């Protein structure tokens, strides 16, 4: 199985930090967000990783190289300008192959075990949902058994972690396309399953949230 890490975004809300560094190279407890994902994927037995990049992407390539330092093989998908999430995945399809693959947002921090997603799937897409954070109280999707639904009062937040069949991205109506819009169409047709993850998960969306998680990890490290 292959995995793709999404790292092409500009990170506007993280400015001024992201004026000089791509957001996925920001660090928590001395480890960049990208490196944490790579280590976790390798631990789960996933060694072929595609990373898309755009804004300051040359820094990502310089930092990670071909992945050999981490025991993985990294291939890069360059975008002259970010193609939105679904568009970026579609661009990288030739690198991802014909089998289902994992996608993870490059700007999250989590202890999720990616091995849980290597057991196969029964739908076109399988999403990992998490409890709603204070900055996103309305959530995104609901769960009915293992089916992801939209029409429900109890919503959870999409974690940015998913398992997808390549057919999902094969015929987008335009090159730049958001994942949320695509997922809602699939959910309407009951083609998306999901699970609720209750472990650690943080959306590193602002400098304040980056500082919060760094302080939390420092506190935990000091007992």
C-alpha atoms as a PDB file:
ATOM      1  CA  UNK A   1       0.000   0.000   0.000  1.00  0.00           C
ATOM      2  CA  UNK A   2       1.094   3.550  -0.768  1.00  0.00           C
ATOM      3  CA  UNK A   3       0.386   6.782   1.063  1.00  0.00           C
ATOM      4  CA  UNK A   4       0.189  10.430   0.082  1.00  0.00           C
ATOM      5  CA  UNK A   5       0.952  13.331   2.398  1.00  0.00           C
ATOM      6  CA  UNK A   6      -0.652  16.613   1.391  1.00  0.00           C
ATOM      7  CA  UNK A   7       1.850  19.438   1.741  1.00  0.00           C
ATOM      8  CA  UNK A   8       1.035  21.942  -1.007  1.00  0.00           C
ATOM      9  CA  UNK A   9      -0.981  24.513   0.925  1.00  0.00           C
ATOM     10  CA  UNK A  10       0.178  28.077   1.508  1.00  0.00           C
ATOM     11  CA  UNK A  11      -0.704  28.086   5.213  1.00  0.00           C
ATOM     12  CA  UNK A  12      -2.189  31.578   5.252  1.00  0.00           C
ATOM     13  CA  UNK A  13      -3.464  31.300   8.835  1.00  0.00           C
ATOM     14  CA  UNK A  14       0.014  30.309  10.021  1.00  0.00           C
ATOM     15  CA  UNK A  15       1.631  33.515   8.804  1.00  0.00           C
ATOM     16  CA  UNK A  16       4.134  34.943   9.508  1.00  0.00           C
ATOM     17  CA  UNK A  17       5.666  31.527  10.281  1.00  0.00           C
ATOM     18  CA  UNK A  18       4.826  30.229   6.815  1.00  0.00           C
ATOM     19  CA  UNK A  19       6.257  33.243   5.018  1.00  0.00           C
ATOM     20  CA  UNK A  20       9.633  31.528   5.120  1.00  0.00           C
ATOM     21  CA  UNK A  21       8.846  27.835   5.726  1.00  0.00           C
ATOM     22  CA  UNK A  22       6.135  25.491   4.405  1.00  0.00           C
ATOM     23  CA  UNK A  23       3.637  24.623   7.113  1.00  0.00           C
ATOM     24  CA  UNK A  24       4.342  20.840   7.129  1.00  0.00           C
ATOM     25  CA  UNK A  25       7.958  21.586   8.085  1.00  0.00           C
ATOM     26  CA  UNK A  26       6.884  23.291  11.298  1.00  0.00           C
ATOM     27  CA  UNK A  27       7.956  21.250  14.312  1.00  0.00           C
ATOM     28  CA  UNK A  28       6.288  19.816  17.392  1.00  0.00           C
ATOM     29  CA  UNK A  29       8.698  18.756  20.123  1.00  0.00           C
ATOM     30  CA  UNK A  30      11.595  19.057  17.681  1.00  0.00           C
ATOM     31  CA  UNK A  31      10.050  16.843  14.990  1.00  0.00           C
ATOM     32  CA  UNK A  32       8.497  18.314  11.847  1.00  0.00           C
ATOM     33  CA  UNK A  33       4.906  17.411  11.057  1.00  0.00           C
ATOM     34  CA  UNK A  34       6.026  15.709   7.849  1.00  0.00           C
ATOM     35  CA  UNK A  35       8.675  13.627   9.600  1.00  0.00           C
ATOM     36  CA  UNK A  36       6.170  12.481  12.213  1.00  0.00           C
ATOM     37  CA  UNK A  37       3.847  11.223   9.469  1.00  0.00           C
ATOM     38  CA  UNK A  38       6.701   9.495   7.661  1.00  0.00           C
ATOM     39  CA  UNK A  39       7.843   7.712  10.823  1.00  0.00           C
ATOM     40  CA  UNK A  40       4.276   6.615  11.583  1.00  0.00           C
ATOM     41  CA  UNK A  41       3.677   5.349   8.049  1.00  0.00           C
ATOM     42  CA  UNK A  42       6.964   3.419   8.035  1.00  0.00           C
ATOM     43  CA  UNK A  43       6.062   1.868  11.389  1.00  0.00           C
ATOM     44  CA  UNK A  44       2.788   0.692   9.827  1.00  0.00           C
ATOM     45  CA  UNK A  45       4.708  -0.987   7.000  1.00  0.00           C
ATOM     46  CA  UNK A  46       3.974   1.703   4.407  1.00  0.00           C
ATOM     47  CA  UNK A  47       7.203   2.601   2.658  1.00  0.00           C
ATOM     48  CA  UNK A  48       6.119   4.175  -0.643  1.00  0.00           C
ATOM     49  CA  UNK A  49       5.104   7.765   0.045  1.00  0.00           C
ATOM     50  CA  UNK A  50       4.088  10.538  -2.330  1.00  0.00           C
ATOM     51  CA  UNK A  51       4.276  14.143  -1.125  1.00  0.00           C
ATOM     52  CA  UNK A  52       2.775  16.992  -3.107  1.00  0.00           C
ATOM     53  CA  UNK A  53       4.204  20.445  -2.674  1.00  0.00           C
ATOM     54  CA  UNK A  54       3.912  23.957  -4.035  1.00  0.00           C
ATOM     55  CA  UNK A  55       4.693  26.898  -1.728  1.00  0.00           C
ATOM     56  CA  UNK A  56       8.389  26.710  -0.763  1.00  0.00           C
ATOM     57  CA  UNK A  57       8.311  23.075  -1.804  1.00  0.00           C
ATOM     58  CA  UNK A  58      12.020  23.013  -2.500  1.00  0.00           C
ATOM     59  CA  UNK A  59      12.556  23.144   1.265  1.00  0.00           C
ATOM     60  CA  UNK A  60      10.545  19.947   1.672  1.00  0.00           C
ATOM     61  CA  UNK A  61      12.604  18.148  -0.967  1.00  0.00           C
ATOM     62  CA  UNK A  62      15.855  19.398   0.560  1.00  0.00           C
ATOM     63  CA  UNK A  63      14.827  18.281   4.053  1.00  0.00           C
ATOM     64  CA  UNK A  64      13.455  14.824   3.209  1.00  0.00           C
ATOM     65  CA  UNK A  65      15.352  13.836   0.070  1.00  0.00           C
ATOM     66  CA  UNK A  66      14.436  10.457  -1.373  1.00  0.00           C
ATOM     67  CA  UNK A  67      13.292   9.172   2.028  1.00  0.00           C
ATOM     68  CA  UNK A  68      16.154   6.714   2.508  1.00  0.00           C
ATOM     69  CA  UNK A  69      17.111   8.389   5.780  1.00  0.00           C
ATOM     70  CA  UNK A  70      13.689   7.386   7.104  1.00  0.00           C
ATOM     71  CA  UNK A  71      13.581   3.912   5.581  1.00  0.00           C
ATOM     72  CA  UNK A  72      10.992   4.886   2.963  1.00  0.00           C
ATOM     73  CA  UNK A  73      10.839   5.836  -0.706  1.00  0.00           C
ATOM     74  CA  UNK A  74       9.542   9.373  -1.276  1.00  0.00           C
ATOM     75  CA  UNK A  75       8.254  10.612  -4.626  1.00  0.00           C
ATOM     76  CA  UNK A  76       7.255  14.241  -5.100  1.00  0.00           C
ATOM     77  CA  UNK A  77       4.324  15.712  -6.992  1.00  0.00           C
ATOM     78  CA  UNK A  78       5.039  19.371  -7.724  1.00  0.00           C
ATOM     79  CA  UNK A  79       2.209  21.841  -8.271  1.00  0.00           C
ATOM     80  CA  UNK A  80       2.954  25.267  -9.735  1.00  0.00           C
ATOM     81  CA  UNK A  81       0.007  26.503  -7.689  1.00  0.00           C
ATOM     82  CA  UNK A  82      -1.941  24.446  -5.168  1.00  0.00           C
ATOM     83  CA  UNK A  83      -4.693  22.399  -6.828  1.00  0.00           C
ATOM     84  CA  UNK A  84      -6.881  22.000  -3.715  1.00  0.00           C
ATOM     85  CA  UNK A  85      -6.923  18.625  -1.990  1.00  0.00           C
ATOM     86  CA  UNK A  86      -8.767  16.493  -4.537  1.00  0.00           C
ATOM     87  CA  UNK A  87      -6.981  18.162  -7.437  1.00  0.00           C
ATOM     88  CA  UNK A  88      -3.602  17.468  -5.888  1.00  0.00           C
ATOM     89  CA  UNK A  89      -4.445  13.812  -5.336  1.00  0.00           C
ATOM     90  CA  UNK A  90      -5.723  13.512  -8.902  1.00  0.00           C
ATOM     91  CA  UNK A  91      -2.452  14.963 -10.228  1.00  0.00           C
ATOM     92  CA  UNK A  92      -0.513  12.308  -8.296  1.00  0.00           C
ATOM     93  CA  UNK A  93      -2.637   9.319  -9.379  1.00  0.00           C
ATOM     94  CA  UNK A  94       0.009   7.934 -11.788  1.00  0.00           C
ATOM     95  CA  UNK A  95       2.364   7.665  -8.801  1.00  0.00           C
ATOM     96  CA  UNK A  96      -0.240   6.112  -6.509  1.00  0.00           C
ATOM     97  CA  UNK A  97      -1.109   3.088  -8.633  1.00  0.00           C
ATOM     98  CA  UNK A  98      -4.275   1.044  -9.051  1.00  0.00           C
ATOM     99  CA  UNK A  99      -4.841  -0.018  -5.439  1.00  0.00           C
ATOM    100  CA  UNK A 100      -6.378   1.833  -2.504  1.00  0.00           C
ATOM    101  CA  UNK A 101      -4.050   4.327  -0.852  1.00  0.00           C
ATOM    102  CA  UNK A 102      -3.869   6.370   2.336  1.00  0.00           C
ATOM    103  CA  UNK A 103      -3.985  10.170   2.313  1.00  0.00           C
ATOM    104  CA  UNK A 104      -3.044  12.315   5.309  1.00  0.00           C
ATOM    105  CA  UNK A 105      -2.992  16.077   5.682  1.00  0.00           C
ATOM    106  CA  UNK A 106       0.512  17.383   6.250  1.00  0.00           C
ATOM    107  CA  UNK A 107      -0.623  19.965   8.806  1.00  0.00           C
ATOM    108  CA  UNK A 108      -2.026  17.701  11.523  1.00  0.00           C
ATOM    109  CA  UNK A 109      -0.370  16.030  14.527  1.00  0.00           C
ATOM    110  CA  UNK A 110      -1.719  12.674  15.695  1.00  0.00           C
ATOM    111  CA  UNK A 111      -0.846   9.339  17.264  1.00  0.00           C
ATOM    112  CA  UNK A 112      -3.173   7.467  14.883  1.00  0.00           C
ATOM    113  CA  UNK A 113      -1.883   4.023  13.877  1.00  0.00           C
ATOM    114  CA  UNK A 114      -1.932   3.878  10.078  1.00  0.00           C
ATOM    115  CA  UNK A 115      -1.755   0.086  10.226  1.00  0.00           C
ATOM    116  CA  UNK A 116      -5.476   0.213  11.046  1.00  0.00           C
ATOM    117  CA  UNK A 117      -6.112   1.350   7.473  1.00  0.00           C
ATOM    118  CA  UNK A 118      -4.211  -1.454   5.766  1.00  0.00           C
ATOM    119  CA  UNK A 119      -6.854  -4.118   6.356  1.00  0.00           C
ATOM    120  CA  UNK A 120      -8.836  -3.445   3.183  1.00  0.00           C
ATOM    121  CA  UNK A 121     -11.979  -1.457   2.500  1.00  0.00           C
ATOM    122  CA  UNK A 122     -15.583  -2.033   1.451  1.00  0.00           C
ATOM    123  CA  UNK A 123     -16.298   1.394  -0.043  1.00  0.00           C
ATOM    124  CA  UNK A 124     -14.751   3.933  -2.384  1.00  0.00           C
ATOM    125  CA  UNK A 125     -13.541   5.989   0.573  1.00  0.00           C
ATOM    126  CA  UNK A 126     -13.037   5.447   4.288  1.00  0.00           C
ATOM    127  CA  UNK A 127     -12.633   8.481   6.557  1.00  0.00           C
ATOM    128  CA  UNK A 128     -11.177   8.836  10.036  1.00  0.00           C
ATOM    129  CA  UNK A 129     -13.298  11.225  12.111  1.00  0.00           C
ATOM    130  CA  UNK A 130     -12.406  12.821  15.438  1.00  0.00           C
ATOM    131  CA  UNK A 131     -14.172  14.805  18.160  1.00  0.00           C
ATOM    132  CA  UNK A 132     -14.799  18.451  17.317  1.00  0.00           C
ATOM    133  CA  UNK A 133     -12.166  20.927  18.458  1.00  0.00           C
ATOM    134  CA  UNK A 134     -13.185  24.268  20.022  1.00  0.00           C
ATOM    135  CA  UNK A 135     -12.329  26.099  16.791  1.00  0.00           C
ATOM    136  CA  UNK A 136     -14.585  23.789  14.728  1.00  0.00           C
ATOM    137  CA  UNK A 137     -17.564  22.968  16.987  1.00  0.00           C
ATOM    138  CA  UNK A 138     -20.008  22.249  14.170  1.00  0.00           C
ATOM    139  CA  UNK A 139     -18.001  19.302  12.822  1.00  0.00           C
ATOM    140  CA  UNK A 140     -18.196  17.928   9.283  1.00  0.00           C
ATOM    141  CA  UNK A 141     -19.889  14.541   9.053  1.00  0.00           C
ATOM    142  CA  UNK A 142     -21.893  12.065  11.092  1.00  0.00           C
ATOM    143  CA  UNK A 143     -21.685   8.299  11.466  1.00  0.00           C
ATOM    144  CA  UNK A 144     -24.479   5.775  11.185  1.00  0.00           C
ATOM    145  CA  UNK A 145     -22.894   2.430  12.048  1.00  0.00           C
ATOM    146  CA  UNK A 146     -19.896   2.542   9.689  1.00  0.00           C
ATOM    147  CA  UNK A 147     -21.533   4.790   7.090  1.00  0.00           C
ATOM    148  CA  UNK A 148     -20.559   8.452   6.862  1.00  0.00           C
ATOM    149  CA  UNK A 149     -23.630  10.681   6.613  1.00  0.00           C
ATOM    150  CA  UNK A 150     -24.314  14.407   6.367  1.00  0.00           C
ATOM    151  CA  UNK A 151     -27.884  14.703   7.622  1.00  0.00           C
ATOM    152  CA  UNK A 152     -27.449  14.343  11.377  1.00  0.00           C
ATOM    153  CA  UNK A 153     -27.280  16.478  14.498  1.00  0.00           C
ATOM    154  CA  UNK A 154     -24.238  14.598  15.855  1.00  0.00           C
ATOM    155  CA  UNK A 155     -21.297  15.583  13.689  1.00  0.00           C
ATOM    156  CA  UNK A 156     -17.605  14.863  13.981  1.00  0.00           C
ATOM    157  CA  UNK A 157     -14.579  16.497  12.388  1.00  0.00           C
ATOM    158  CA  UNK A 158     -12.851  14.939   9.392  1.00  0.00           C
ATOM    159  CA  UNK A 159      -9.312  14.303  10.622  1.00  0.00           C
ATOM    160  CA  UNK A 160      -7.614  14.681   7.249  1.00  0.00           C
ATOM    161  CA  UNK A 161      -6.829  10.947   7.273  1.00  0.00           C
ATOM    162  CA  UNK A 162      -8.534   8.688   4.753  1.00  0.00           C
ATOM    163  CA  UNK A 163      -8.281   5.580   2.629  1.00  0.00           C
ATOM    164  CA  UNK A 164      -9.346   5.972  -0.997  1.00  0.00           C
ATOM    165  CA  UNK A 165      -9.818   3.962  -4.139  1.00  0.00           C
ATOM    166  CA  UNK A 166      -8.142   5.741  -7.082  1.00  0.00           C
ATOM    167  CA  UNK A 167     -11.454   5.799  -8.993  1.00  0.00           C
ATOM    168  CA  UNK A 168     -12.585   8.534  -6.589  1.00  0.00           C
ATOM    169  CA  UNK A 169     -10.213  11.015  -8.222  1.00  0.00           C
ATOM    170  CA  UNK A 170     -10.097   9.723 -11.797  1.00  0.00           C
ATOM    171  CA  UNK A 171     -12.608  12.072 -13.428  1.00  0.00           C
ATOM    172  CA  UNK A 172     -12.702  15.373 -11.608  1.00  0.00           C
ATOM    173  CA  UNK A 173     -14.660  18.085 -13.454  1.00  0.00           C
ATOM    174  CA  UNK A 174     -11.687  20.485 -13.230  1.00  0.00           C
ATOM    175  CA  UNK A 175      -7.999  20.269 -12.227  1.00  0.00           C
ATOM    176  CA  UNK A 176      -8.399  22.391  -9.092  1.00  0.00           C
ATOM    177  CA  UNK A 177     -11.045  20.738  -6.951  1.00  0.00           C
ATOM    178  CA  UNK A 178     -11.820  20.574  -3.217  1.00  0.00           C
ATOM    179  CA  UNK A 179     -12.016  17.231  -1.441  1.00  0.00           C
ATOM    180  CA  UNK A 180     -15.015  18.223   0.688  1.00  0.00           C
ATOM    181  CA  UNK A 181     -17.246  18.762  -2.332  1.00  0.00           C
ATOM    182  CA  UNK A 182     -16.167  15.425  -3.805  1.00  0.00           C
ATOM    183  CA  UNK A 183     -16.751  13.559  -0.550  1.00  0.00           C
ATOM    184  CA  UNK A 184     -20.240  14.973  -0.106  1.00  0.00           C
ATOM    185  CA  UNK A 185     -21.198  13.640  -3.511  1.00  0.00           C
ATOM    186  CA  UNK A 186     -19.893  10.174  -2.603  1.00  0.00           C
ATOM    187  CA  UNK A 187     -21.622  10.286   0.797  1.00  0.00           C
ATOM    188  CA  UNK A 188     -24.937  11.069  -0.891  1.00  0.00           C
ATOM    189  CA  UNK A 189     -24.491   7.864  -2.882  1.00  0.00           C
ATOM    190  CA  UNK A 190     -23.575   5.894   0.292  1.00  0.00           C
ATOM    191  CA  UNK A 191     -20.048   5.175  -0.946  1.00  0.00           C
ATOM    192  CA  UNK A 192     -18.131   6.384   2.119  1.00  0.00           C
ATOM    193  CA  UNK A 193     -17.495   4.489   5.341  1.00  0.00           C
ATOM    194  CA  UNK A 194     -15.838   5.877   8.433  1.00  0.00           C
ATOM    195  CA  UNK A 195     -14.628   5.416  11.967  1.00  0.00           C
ATOM    196  CA  UNK A 196     -14.296   7.601  15.046  1.00  0.00           C
ATOM    197  CA  UNK A 197     -10.777   7.946  16.429  1.00  0.00           C
ATOM    198  CA  UNK A 198     -10.534   8.945  20.084  1.00  0.00           C
ATOM    199  CA  UNK A 199      -6.755   9.243  20.441  1.00  0.00           C
ATOM    200  CA  UNK A 200      -4.611  12.339  20.106  1.00  0.00           C
ATOM    201  CA  UNK A 201      -5.277  14.575  17.123  1.00  0.00           C
ATOM    202  CA  UNK A 202      -4.515  18.250  16.580  1.00  0.00           C
ATOM    203  CA  UNK A 203      -5.107  20.551  13.639  1.00  0.00           C
ATOM    204  CA  UNK A 204      -2.032  22.785  13.490  1.00  0.00           C
ATOM    205  CA  UNK A 205      -3.855  25.650  11.829  1.00  0.00           C
ATOM    206  CA  UNK A 206      -2.575  28.744  13.614  1.00  0.00           C
ATOM    207  CA  UNK A 207       0.589  29.829  15.459  1.00  0.00           C
ATOM    208  CA  UNK A 208      -1.403  29.744  18.697  1.00  0.00           C
ATOM    209  CA  UNK A 209      -2.415  26.102  18.220  1.00  0.00           C
ATOM    210  CA  UNK A 210       1.158  25.184  17.312  1.00  0.00           C
ATOM    211  CA  UNK A 211       2.323  26.774  20.555  1.00  0.00           C
ATOM    212  CA  UNK A 212      -0.388  24.958  22.520  1.00  0.00           C
ATOM    213  CA  UNK A 213       0.598  21.510  21.292  1.00  0.00           C
ATOM    214  CA  UNK A 214       4.288  22.236  21.834  1.00  0.00           C
ATOM    215  CA  UNK A 215       3.543  23.234  25.416  1.00  0.00           C
ATOM    216  CA  UNK A 216       1.413  20.112  25.892  1.00  0.00           C
ATOM    217  CA  UNK A 217       4.166  17.822  24.601  1.00  0.00           C
ATOM    218  CA  UNK A 218       6.709  19.583  26.809  1.00  0.00           C
ATOM    219  CA  UNK A 219       4.479  19.059  29.839  1.00  0.00           C
ATOM    220  CA  UNK A 220       4.003  15.368  29.029  1.00  0.00           C
ATOM    221  CA  UNK A 221       7.736  14.872  28.465  1.00  0.00           C
ATOM    222  CA  UNK A 222       8.488  16.360  31.873  1.00  0.00           C
ATOM    223  CA  UNK A 223       5.963  14.114  33.576  1.00  0.00           C
END
